[in-house]
Amino acid sequence: MTNVFRKPVLQAALLALCVTALSALPVMAQEPAPSTQDQAGPPNGGHRGAGQREEHQIDFLTKKLNLTPDQVTQVKAIDDDSRTQMTALRQDTTTPQADKRAKMMDIHKASQAKIRAVLTDDQKTKYDALQAEMKERRESREGGQGAPPPPPQQ
């Protein structure tokens, strides 16, 4: 009687092994994906960390506005200060969540004003156009609704 029970179990195990082996073949036959280091863009799946965003923004502004080395240094300092303020605000547990968004917007606007103050008149015109373009893109992404409302307080 033990022979009767062993045969179906053995067949099932053999079938499972074959199915597993056959299902692995297409995966092994594919060409290896190119390394993320060879591709353009951030290596972590399209998301930039704070330092990478800052460098990207500085590079972008340098190219678009033809910033001088002195202006680059000043803009970096403004960005560093802004990031420090934002980090402190995020970590602040005494400020209600509803107020944090407004304060972050204030920090952002102050940062833009400081950057604008560093620019020449021609650069200011280009900077304002870039800001308007980014605002338009952001609004179209959000469906023209503007920024989403803050979550309700609990």
N, C-alpha and C. Protein backbone atom coordinates (compact mmCIF):
# COMPACT_ATOMS: atom_id res chain seq x y z
N MET A 1 0.79 -1.19 0.00
CA MET A 1 0.00 0.00 0.00
C MET A 1 0.84 1.25 0.00
N THR A 2 1.98 1.21 0.57
CA THR A 2 2.82 2.39 0.59
C THR A 2 3.26 2.79 -0.81
N ASN A 3 3.35 1.85 -1.71
CA ASN A 3 3.71 2.14 -3.09
C ASN A 3 2.66 3.01 -3.78
N VAL A 4 1.40 2.81 -3.45
CA VAL A 4 0.31 3.56 -4.03
C VAL A 4 0.40 5.04 -3.63
N PHE A 5 0.76 5.30 -2.37
CA PHE A 5 0.86 6.68 -1.90
C PHE A 5 2.12 7.36 -2.39
N ARG A 6 3.20 6.65 -2.55
CA ARG A 6 4.45 7.25 -2.97
C ARG A 6 4.42 7.72 -4.41
N LYS A 7 3.81 6.98 -5.28
CA LYS A 7 3.83 7.30 -6.71
C LYS A 7 3.19 8.67 -6.99
N PRO A 8 1.97 8.97 -6.50
CA PRO A 8 1.40 10.29 -6.76
C PRO A 8 2.22 11.42 -6.13
N VAL A 9 2.77 11.20 -4.96
CA VAL A 9 3.58 12.23 -4.30
C VAL A 9 4.85 12.49 -5.11
N LEU A 10 5.46 11.42 -5.57
CA LEU A 10 6.67 11.55 -6.38
C LEU A 10 6.37 12.25 -7.70
N GLN A 11 5.26 11.91 -8.32
CA GLN A 11 4.87 12.55 -9.57
C GLN A 11 4.60 14.04 -9.35
N ALA A 12 3.92 14.37 -8.28
CA ALA A 12 3.61 15.77 -7.98
C ALA A 12 4.89 16.57 -7.73
N ALA A 13 5.84 15.98 -7.02
CA ALA A 13 7.10 16.66 -6.75
C ALA A 13 7.89 16.87 -8.03
N LEU A 14 7.91 15.83 -8.88
CA LEU A 14 8.61 15.94 -10.16
C LEU A 14 7.96 16.98 -11.05
N LEU A 15 6.64 17.02 -11.09
CA LEU A 15 5.91 18.00 -11.87
C LEU A 15 6.20 19.42 -11.36
N ALA A 16 6.21 19.60 -10.07
CA ALA A 16 6.50 20.91 -9.49
C ALA A 16 7.92 21.36 -9.84
N LEU A 17 8.86 20.44 -9.79
CA LEU A 17 10.24 20.76 -10.14
C LEU A 17 10.36 21.17 -11.60
N CYS A 18 9.69 20.45 -12.50
CA CYS A 18 9.72 20.77 -13.93
C CYS A 18 9.09 22.13 -14.21
N VAL A 19 7.94 22.40 -13.59
CA VAL A 19 7.26 23.69 -13.79
C VAL A 19 8.15 24.83 -13.32
N THR A 20 8.79 24.66 -12.19
CA THR A 20 9.69 25.70 -11.68
C THR A 20 10.85 25.93 -12.63
N ALA A 21 11.45 24.85 -13.12
CA ALA A 21 12.59 24.98 -14.04
C ALA A 21 12.17 25.64 -15.34
N LEU A 22 11.02 25.24 -15.88
CA LEU A 22 10.56 25.81 -17.14
C LEU A 22 10.15 27.28 -16.98
N SER A 23 9.60 27.64 -15.85
CA SER A 23 9.20 29.05 -15.66
C SER A 23 10.41 29.95 -15.48
N ALA A 24 11.54 29.39 -15.07
CA ALA A 24 12.74 30.21 -14.89
C ALA A 24 13.46 30.45 -16.21
N LEU A 25 13.23 29.65 -17.24
CA LEU A 25 13.93 29.80 -18.51
C LEU A 25 13.71 31.17 -19.17
N PRO A 26 12.48 31.67 -19.29
CA PRO A 26 12.31 32.98 -19.93
C PRO A 26 13.04 34.10 -19.19
N VAL A 27 13.09 34.01 -17.88
CA VAL A 27 13.78 35.02 -17.09
C VAL A 27 15.28 34.98 -17.37
N MET A 28 15.83 33.78 -17.45
CA MET A 28 17.26 33.63 -17.70
C MET A 28 17.62 34.00 -19.13
N ALA A 29 16.67 33.89 -20.06
CA ALA A 29 16.94 34.16 -21.46
C ALA A 29 16.95 35.65 -21.77
N GLN A 30 16.39 36.46 -20.91
CA GLN A 30 16.35 37.91 -21.16
C GLN A 30 17.73 38.51 -21.07
N GLU A 31 17.92 39.59 -21.84
CA GLU A 31 19.19 40.30 -21.76
C GLU A 31 19.26 41.00 -20.42
N PRO A 32 20.44 41.12 -19.87
CA PRO A 32 20.54 41.82 -18.59
C PRO A 32 20.18 43.29 -18.76
N ALA A 33 19.50 43.82 -17.77
CA ALA A 33 19.11 45.23 -17.81
C ALA A 33 20.35 46.09 -17.67
N PRO A 34 20.39 47.24 -18.38
CA PRO A 34 21.55 48.11 -18.23
C PRO A 34 21.64 48.64 -16.81
N SER A 35 22.84 48.84 -16.37
CA SER A 35 23.06 49.35 -15.02
C SER A 35 22.48 50.74 -14.88
N THR A 36 21.99 51.07 -13.69
CA THR A 36 21.42 52.41 -13.48
C THR A 36 22.49 53.48 -13.58
N GLN A 37 23.74 53.11 -13.42
CA GLN A 37 24.80 54.09 -13.54
C GLN A 37 25.00 54.53 -14.98
N ASP A 38 24.61 53.66 -15.96
CA ASP A 38 24.77 54.00 -17.37
C ASP A 38 23.64 54.87 -17.86
N GLN A 39 22.52 54.89 -17.16
CA GLN A 39 21.36 55.63 -17.61
C GLN A 39 21.42 57.05 -17.08
N ALA A 40 20.78 57.95 -17.84
CA ALA A 40 20.69 59.33 -17.37
C ALA A 40 19.67 59.40 -16.24
N GLY A 41 19.83 60.33 -15.36
CA GLY A 41 18.86 60.53 -14.30
C GLY A 41 19.36 59.99 -12.98
N PRO A 42 18.60 60.21 -11.95
CA PRO A 42 19.01 59.78 -10.62
C PRO A 42 19.03 58.27 -10.50
N PRO A 43 19.99 57.73 -9.76
CA PRO A 43 20.14 56.29 -9.64
C PRO A 43 19.09 55.61 -8.77
N ASN A 44 18.36 56.34 -7.96
CA ASN A 44 17.44 55.70 -7.01
C ASN A 44 16.00 55.72 -7.51
N GLY A 45 15.80 55.27 -8.75
CA GLY A 45 14.45 55.11 -9.26
C GLY A 45 13.75 56.40 -9.63
N GLY A 46 14.50 57.44 -9.96
CA GLY A 46 13.88 58.67 -10.41
C GLY A 46 13.68 59.71 -9.33
N HIS A 47 13.99 59.37 -8.11
CA HIS A 47 13.81 60.33 -7.02
C HIS A 47 15.17 60.88 -6.62
N ARG A 48 15.20 62.16 -6.44
CA ARG A 48 16.44 62.81 -6.02
C ARG A 48 16.37 63.09 -4.53
N GLY A 49 17.51 62.93 -3.87
CA GLY A 49 17.60 63.33 -2.48
C GLY A 49 17.75 64.84 -2.41
N ALA A 50 17.74 65.39 -1.22
CA ALA A 50 17.81 66.85 -1.07
C ALA A 50 19.07 67.41 -1.71
N GLY A 51 20.20 66.78 -1.50
CA GLY A 51 21.45 67.27 -2.09
C GLY A 51 21.44 67.20 -3.59
N GLN A 52 20.87 66.14 -4.14
CA GLN A 52 20.79 66.00 -5.60
C GLN A 52 19.85 67.04 -6.19
N ARG A 53 18.73 67.31 -5.51
CA ARG A 53 17.79 68.33 -5.99
C ARG A 53 18.47 69.69 -6.02
N GLU A 54 19.22 69.99 -4.96
CA GLU A 54 19.89 71.28 -4.89
C GLU A 54 20.89 71.41 -6.03
N GLU A 55 21.70 70.39 -6.23
CA GLU A 55 22.69 70.43 -7.31
C GLU A 55 22.01 70.55 -8.67
N HIS A 56 20.91 69.83 -8.85
CA HIS A 56 20.17 69.90 -10.11
C HIS A 56 19.64 71.33 -10.32
N GLN A 57 19.08 71.92 -9.26
CA GLN A 57 18.54 73.27 -9.37
C GLN A 57 19.65 74.27 -9.68
N ILE A 58 20.78 74.15 -9.01
CA ILE A 58 21.90 75.06 -9.25
C ILE A 58 22.39 74.91 -10.69
N ASP A 59 22.56 73.67 -11.14
CA ASP A 59 23.01 73.44 -12.52
C ASP A 59 22.00 74.01 -13.52
N PHE A 60 20.72 73.78 -13.25
CA PHE A 60 19.66 74.26 -14.12
C PHE A 60 19.70 75.79 -14.22
N LEU A 61 19.74 76.44 -13.06
CA LEU A 61 19.77 77.91 -13.07
C LEU A 61 21.05 78.45 -13.69
N THR A 62 22.17 77.78 -13.44
CA THR A 62 23.44 78.22 -14.00
C THR A 62 23.37 78.20 -15.53
N LYS A 63 22.81 77.14 -16.08
CA LYS A 63 22.71 77.02 -17.54
C LYS A 63 21.68 77.98 -18.12
N LYS A 64 20.51 78.04 -17.51
CA LYS A 64 19.41 78.86 -18.05
C LYS A 64 19.66 80.36 -17.90
N LEU A 65 20.32 80.74 -16.78
CA LEU A 65 20.49 82.16 -16.49
C LEU A 65 21.93 82.64 -16.69
N ASN A 66 22.82 81.70 -17.02
CA ASN A 66 24.22 82.03 -17.21
C ASN A 66 24.78 82.71 -15.94
N LEU A 67 24.62 82.01 -14.81
CA LEU A 67 25.08 82.55 -13.53
C LEU A 67 26.61 82.64 -13.49
N THR A 68 27.10 83.67 -12.85
CA THR A 68 28.54 83.81 -12.64
C THR A 68 28.94 82.92 -11.46
N PRO A 69 30.21 82.60 -11.31
CA PRO A 69 30.63 81.79 -10.16
C PRO A 69 30.22 82.42 -8.82
N ASP A 70 30.29 83.75 -8.72
CA ASP A 70 29.88 84.42 -7.49
C ASP A 70 28.38 84.24 -7.24
N GLN A 71 27.58 84.33 -8.30
CA GLN A 71 26.14 84.13 -8.16
C GLN A 71 25.83 82.68 -7.75
N VAL A 72 26.57 81.72 -8.32
CA VAL A 72 26.37 80.31 -7.97
C VAL A 72 26.62 80.12 -6.47
N THR A 73 27.67 80.71 -5.96
CA THR A 73 27.99 80.61 -4.53
C THR A 73 26.86 81.20 -3.69
N GLN A 74 26.36 82.36 -4.10
CA GLN A 74 25.29 83.01 -3.35
C GLN A 74 23.98 82.19 -3.39
N VAL A 75 23.65 81.66 -4.56
CA VAL A 75 22.43 80.86 -4.69
C VAL A 75 22.54 79.58 -3.86
N LYS A 76 23.72 78.97 -3.85
CA LYS A 76 23.92 77.77 -3.02
C LYS A 76 23.70 78.10 -1.55
N ALA A 77 24.21 79.24 -1.10
CA ALA A 77 24.04 79.65 0.30
C ALA A 77 22.56 79.88 0.61
N ILE A 78 21.84 80.48 -0.31
CA ILE A 78 20.40 80.72 -0.13
C ILE A 78 19.67 79.38 -0.04
N ASP A 79 20.00 78.46 -0.93
CA ASP A 79 19.38 77.13 -0.92
C ASP A 79 19.68 76.39 0.38
N ASP A 80 20.93 76.48 0.84
CA ASP A 80 21.31 75.81 2.09
C ASP A 80 20.50 76.36 3.26
N ASP A 81 20.37 77.68 3.32
CA ASP A 81 19.62 78.33 4.39
C ASP A 81 18.15 77.91 4.34
N SER A 82 17.59 77.91 3.14
CA SER A 82 16.19 77.52 2.96
C SER A 82 15.97 76.07 3.39
N ARG A 83 16.87 75.19 2.98
CA ARG A 83 16.74 73.78 3.33
C ARG A 83 16.84 73.58 4.85
N THR A 84 17.75 74.32 5.48
CA THR A 84 17.90 74.25 6.94
C THR A 84 16.60 74.68 7.64
N GLN A 85 16.01 75.76 7.16
CA GLN A 85 14.75 76.24 7.74
C GLN A 85 13.62 75.24 7.54
N MET A 86 13.56 74.65 6.35
CA MET A 86 12.51 73.67 6.04
C MET A 86 12.67 72.43 6.94
N THR A 87 13.91 71.97 7.09
CA THR A 87 14.17 70.80 7.93
C THR A 87 13.76 71.08 9.37
N ALA A 88 14.12 72.25 9.87
CA ALA A 88 13.76 72.61 11.24
C ALA A 88 12.24 72.67 11.40
N LEU A 89 11.55 73.20 10.39
CA LEU A 89 10.10 73.29 10.46
C LEU A 89 9.46 71.90 10.43
N ARG A 90 9.98 71.01 9.60
CA ARG A 90 9.44 69.64 9.54
C ARG A 90 9.61 68.92 10.88
N GLN A 91 10.71 69.19 11.55
CA GLN A 91 11.00 68.52 12.82
C GLN A 91 10.32 69.19 14.01
N ASP A 92 9.78 70.38 13.80
CA ASP A 92 9.13 71.12 14.87
C ASP A 92 7.79 70.46 15.21
N THR A 93 7.69 69.96 16.42
CA THR A 93 6.47 69.28 16.83
C THR A 93 5.47 70.24 17.48
N THR A 94 5.87 71.49 17.72
CA THR A 94 4.97 72.44 18.37
C THR A 94 4.10 73.18 17.36
N THR A 95 4.52 73.22 16.09
CA THR A 95 3.75 73.93 15.07
C THR A 95 2.69 72.98 14.51
N PRO A 96 1.43 73.40 14.51
CA PRO A 96 0.37 72.56 13.95
C PRO A 96 0.63 72.28 12.46
N GLN A 97 0.26 71.10 12.01
CA GLN A 97 0.49 70.69 10.63
C GLN A 97 -0.11 71.68 9.64
N ALA A 98 -1.28 72.21 9.95
CA ALA A 98 -1.95 73.15 9.05
C ALA A 98 -1.11 74.42 8.86
N ASP A 99 -0.38 74.83 9.90
CA ASP A 99 0.44 76.04 9.81
C ASP A 99 1.77 75.79 9.10
N LYS A 100 2.24 74.54 9.12
CA LYS A 100 3.53 74.23 8.52
C LYS A 100 3.56 74.51 7.03
N ARG A 101 2.47 74.17 6.33
CA ARG A 101 2.43 74.39 4.89
C ARG A 101 2.57 75.88 4.56
N ALA A 102 1.85 76.72 5.27
CA ALA A 102 1.92 78.16 5.04
C ALA A 102 3.33 78.68 5.32
N LYS A 103 3.94 78.19 6.40
CA LYS A 103 5.30 78.62 6.74
C LYS A 103 6.31 78.14 5.69
N MET A 104 6.11 76.93 5.18
CA MET A 104 7.00 76.44 4.13
C MET A 104 6.88 77.28 2.87
N MET A 105 5.66 77.67 2.55
CA MET A 105 5.46 78.55 1.38
C MET A 105 6.16 79.89 1.60
N ASP A 106 6.11 80.41 2.82
CA ASP A 106 6.79 81.66 3.13
C ASP A 106 8.30 81.52 2.96
N ILE A 107 8.84 80.41 3.44
CA ILE A 107 10.29 80.16 3.30
C ILE A 107 10.65 80.09 1.82
N HIS A 108 9.82 79.38 1.05
CA HIS A 108 10.07 79.24 -0.40
C HIS A 108 10.03 80.60 -1.09
N LYS A 109 9.03 81.41 -0.79
CA LYS A 109 8.91 82.74 -1.41
C LYS A 109 10.08 83.64 -1.02
N ALA A 110 10.50 83.57 0.24
CA ALA A 110 11.64 84.37 0.69
C ALA A 110 12.91 83.93 -0.04
N SER A 111 13.06 82.64 -0.23
CA SER A 111 14.21 82.10 -0.94
C SER A 111 14.23 82.60 -2.38
N GLN A 112 13.07 82.57 -3.04
CA GLN A 112 12.98 83.06 -4.42
C GLN A 112 13.33 84.55 -4.49
N ALA A 113 12.85 85.32 -3.51
CA ALA A 113 13.14 86.76 -3.51
C ALA A 113 14.64 87.01 -3.33
N LYS A 114 15.28 86.22 -2.45
CA LYS A 114 16.72 86.37 -2.24
C LYS A 114 17.51 86.00 -3.50
N ILE A 115 17.09 84.92 -4.16
CA ILE A 115 17.76 84.52 -5.40
C ILE A 115 17.58 85.63 -6.44
N ARG A 116 16.38 86.14 -6.54
CA ARG A 116 16.08 87.21 -7.52
C ARG A 116 16.95 88.44 -7.27
N ALA A 117 17.22 88.74 -5.99
CA ALA A 117 18.03 89.91 -5.64
C ALA A 117 19.48 89.77 -6.10
N VAL A 118 19.93 88.54 -6.30
CA VAL A 118 21.31 88.28 -6.73
C VAL A 118 21.46 88.44 -8.24
N LEU A 119 20.35 88.40 -8.96
CA LEU A 119 20.38 88.37 -10.43
C LEU A 119 20.44 89.76 -11.06
N THR A 120 20.94 89.78 -12.29
CA THR A 120 20.91 91.02 -13.09
C THR A 120 19.48 91.19 -13.61
N ASP A 121 19.19 92.36 -14.17
CA ASP A 121 17.85 92.61 -14.70
C ASP A 121 17.46 91.60 -15.78
N ASP A 122 18.40 91.29 -16.68
CA ASP A 122 18.13 90.32 -17.74
C ASP A 122 17.87 88.93 -17.14
N GLN A 123 18.66 88.55 -16.16
CA GLN A 123 18.48 87.25 -15.50
C GLN A 123 17.15 87.19 -14.74
N LYS A 124 16.76 88.32 -14.14
CA LYS A 124 15.48 88.37 -13.42
C LYS A 124 14.32 88.08 -14.36
N THR A 125 14.37 88.66 -15.56
CA THR A 125 13.31 88.43 -16.54
C THR A 125 13.23 86.94 -16.89
N LYS A 126 14.39 86.33 -17.14
CA LYS A 126 14.43 84.89 -17.46
C LYS A 126 13.98 84.06 -16.27
N TYR A 127 14.40 84.44 -15.06
CA TYR A 127 14.03 83.71 -13.85
C TYR A 127 12.52 83.76 -13.65
N ASP A 128 11.93 84.94 -13.83
CA ASP A 128 10.48 85.08 -13.67
C ASP A 128 9.74 84.20 -14.69
N ALA A 129 10.26 84.15 -15.91
CA ALA A 129 9.64 83.31 -16.94
C ALA A 129 9.74 81.83 -16.56
N LEU A 130 10.89 81.43 -16.02
CA LEU A 130 11.06 80.04 -15.58
C LEU A 130 10.09 79.71 -14.45
N GLN A 131 9.94 80.63 -13.51
CA GLN A 131 9.03 80.42 -12.39
C GLN A 131 7.59 80.28 -12.89
N ALA A 132 7.20 81.14 -13.84
CA ALA A 132 5.84 81.08 -14.39
C ALA A 132 5.61 79.77 -15.13
N GLU A 133 6.63 79.32 -15.85
CA GLU A 133 6.53 78.05 -16.58
C GLU A 133 6.37 76.88 -15.62
N MET A 134 7.15 76.88 -14.54
CA MET A 134 7.05 75.80 -13.55
C MET A 134 5.69 75.82 -12.86
N LYS A 135 5.18 77.01 -12.57
CA LYS A 135 3.87 77.13 -11.93
C LYS A 135 2.78 76.58 -12.84
N GLU A 136 2.89 76.90 -14.13
CA GLU A 136 1.92 76.42 -15.10
C GLU A 136 1.96 74.88 -15.19
N ARG A 137 3.16 74.34 -15.24
CA ARG A 137 3.31 72.88 -15.29
C ARG A 137 2.73 72.21 -14.05
N ARG A 138 3.02 72.81 -12.90
CA ARG A 138 2.53 72.27 -11.63
C ARG A 138 1.00 72.29 -11.61
N GLU A 139 0.40 73.40 -12.04
CA GLU A 139 -1.05 73.51 -12.04
C GLU A 139 -1.69 72.54 -13.03
N SER A 140 -1.07 72.33 -14.17
CA SER A 140 -1.65 71.40 -15.14
C SER A 140 -1.55 69.97 -14.61
N ARG A 141 -0.49 69.67 -13.88
CA ARG A 141 -0.33 68.35 -13.27
C ARG A 141 -1.39 68.13 -12.19
N GLU A 142 -1.72 69.19 -11.49
CA GLU A 142 -2.70 69.10 -10.40
C GLU A 142 -4.11 69.32 -10.90
N GLY A 143 -4.29 69.37 -12.21
CA GLY A 143 -5.63 69.54 -12.77
C GLY A 143 -6.18 70.94 -12.62
N GLY A 144 -5.30 71.93 -12.53
CA GLY A 144 -5.75 73.31 -12.42
C GLY A 144 -6.37 73.63 -11.07
N GLN A 145 -6.26 72.74 -10.14
CA GLN A 145 -6.88 72.94 -8.83
C GLN A 145 -5.98 73.69 -7.87
N GLY A 146 -4.74 73.94 -8.27
CA GLY A 146 -3.80 74.53 -7.33
C GLY A 146 -3.33 73.47 -6.37
N ALA A 147 -2.80 73.88 -5.29
CA ALA A 147 -2.29 72.93 -4.30
C ALA A 147 -3.46 72.26 -3.60
N PRO A 148 -3.31 70.99 -3.27
CA PRO A 148 -4.40 70.31 -2.56
C PRO A 148 -4.56 70.89 -1.17
N PRO A 149 -5.78 70.84 -0.64
CA PRO A 149 -5.99 71.40 0.69
C PRO A 149 -5.25 70.58 1.73
N PRO A 150 -4.88 71.22 2.84
CA PRO A 150 -4.18 70.47 3.89
C PRO A 150 -5.12 69.42 4.49
N PRO A 151 -4.54 68.33 4.99
CA PRO A 151 -5.40 67.29 5.60
C PRO A 151 -6.09 67.83 6.84
N PRO A 152 -7.26 67.30 7.14
CA PRO A 152 -7.98 67.80 8.34
C PRO A 152 -7.22 67.44 9.60
N GLN A 153 -7.32 68.35 10.57
CA GLN A 153 -6.63 68.11 11.83
C GLN A 153 -7.42 67.13 12.66
N GLN A 154 -6.69 66.38 13.48
CA GLN A 154 -7.36 65.38 14.31
C GLN A 154 -7.42 65.83 15.73
